[in-house]
Amino acid sequence: MACFEIQWKASAKRELKKLEPVVIKRIIEAAETLRDMPYPQGVKKIQGAEHTYRIRVGQYRVVYSVEANILLIEIIKVGHRKEVYQNLS
């Protein structure tokens, strides 16, 4: 299986920078595992979106879209589980 390219939206990078360094490290490691396996165990599809999924990283969520035809994963949003789904576009 080919490796996917991972791109971070600018807004997701800003959200990530607001978190504690230990949490940032865990989220980046989790996001990097998507490169080889875009649909890991425990992944959930976002309702109402065709190619959008989320993974859990402790109390935080990483929301991303998968473009399988061009091997691209775009990290859309990062945040605490209580806030990450608000204003999800």
Protein backbone atom coordinates (compact mmCIF):
# COMPACT_ATOMS: atom_id res chain seq x y z
CA MET A 1 0.00 0.00 0.00
CA ALA A 2 1.28 3.44 -0.89
CA CYS A 3 1.92 6.14 1.69
CA PHE A 4 -0.46 9.07 1.92
CA GLU A 5 0.74 12.66 2.06
CA ILE A 6 -0.44 14.58 5.12
CA GLN A 7 -1.34 18.27 4.86
CA TRP A 8 -2.42 20.45 7.79
CA LYS A 9 -4.87 23.28 7.27
CA ALA A 10 -3.56 26.56 8.68
CA SER A 11 -6.48 26.67 11.13
CA ALA A 12 -5.62 23.18 12.42
CA LYS A 13 -2.00 24.25 12.97
CA ARG A 14 -3.19 27.27 14.98
CA GLU A 15 -5.47 25.04 17.09
CA LEU A 16 -2.60 22.64 17.69
CA LYS A 17 -0.23 25.39 18.86
CA LYS A 18 -2.69 26.38 21.62
CA LEU A 19 -2.39 22.98 23.30
CA GLU A 20 0.14 21.73 25.85
CA PRO A 21 3.45 20.41 24.43
CA VAL A 22 2.81 16.84 25.64
CA VAL A 23 -0.59 16.79 23.92
CA ILE A 24 0.87 18.31 20.75
CA LYS A 25 3.44 15.52 20.55
CA ARG A 26 0.79 12.80 20.97
CA ILE A 27 -1.47 14.37 18.33
CA ILE A 28 1.35 14.72 15.79
CA GLU A 29 2.38 11.09 16.36
CA ALA A 30 -1.22 9.94 15.89
CA ALA A 31 -1.58 12.02 12.72
CA GLU A 32 1.65 10.59 11.30
CA THR A 33 0.33 7.03 11.71
CA LEU A 34 -2.42 7.98 9.25
CA ARG A 35 0.24 8.14 6.54
CA ASP A 36 0.36 4.32 6.34
CA MET A 37 -3.13 3.51 7.63
CA PRO A 38 -5.75 6.23 6.95
CA TYR A 39 -8.53 4.19 8.57
CA PRO A 40 -7.03 2.91 11.85
CA GLN A 41 -8.94 0.92 14.43
CA GLY A 42 -11.37 3.20 16.24
CA VAL A 43 -11.77 5.69 13.41
CA LYS A 44 -15.25 7.20 13.08
CA LYS A 45 -16.81 8.73 9.99
CA ILE A 46 -18.25 12.21 10.47
CA GLN A 47 -21.98 12.19 9.71
CA GLY A 48 -23.03 14.31 6.79
CA ALA A 49 -19.55 14.39 5.25
CA GLU A 50 -18.44 12.11 2.45
CA HIS A 51 -14.71 11.75 3.14
CA THR A 52 -14.29 13.12 6.68
CA TYR A 53 -13.22 11.06 9.68
CA ARG A 54 -11.99 11.52 13.23
CA ILE A 55 -9.56 9.74 15.50
CA ARG A 56 -9.27 9.93 19.28
CA VAL A 57 -6.11 11.04 21.03
CA GLY A 58 -7.07 10.92 24.70
CA GLN A 59 -9.53 13.76 25.36
CA TYR A 60 -8.71 15.33 21.97
CA ARG A 61 -9.92 14.61 18.45
CA VAL A 62 -8.24 14.95 15.07
CA VAL A 63 -10.70 15.53 12.24
CA TYR A 64 -9.37 14.80 8.76
CA SER A 65 -10.45 14.15 5.21
CA VAL A 66 -9.14 11.40 2.95
CA GLU A 67 -8.68 11.80 -0.78
CA ALA A 68 -7.81 8.20 -1.67
CA ASN A 69 -7.53 8.83 -5.40
CA ILE A 70 -4.60 11.25 -4.90
CA LEU A 71 -3.25 9.70 -1.66
CA LEU A 72 -3.84 12.84 0.41
CA ILE A 73 -4.95 13.27 4.02
CA GLU A 74 -5.83 16.79 5.12
CA ILE A 75 -6.00 17.50 8.84
CA ILE A 76 -9.02 19.80 9.14
CA LYS A 77 -9.43 20.39 12.85
CA VAL A 78 -7.80 19.54 16.18
CA GLY A 79 -9.38 20.14 19.55
CA HIS A 80 -10.88 18.95 22.80
CA ARG A 81 -13.71 16.46 22.38
CA LYS A 82 -16.29 18.94 23.73
CA GLU A 83 -15.40 21.67 21.22
CA VAL A 84 -14.01 20.06 18.10
CA TYR A 85 -17.36 19.31 16.43
CA GLN A 86 -18.69 22.87 16.73
CA ASN A 87 -18.60 24.81 13.46
CA LEU A 88 -17.20 21.84 11.58
CA SER A 89 -17.31 22.71 7.91
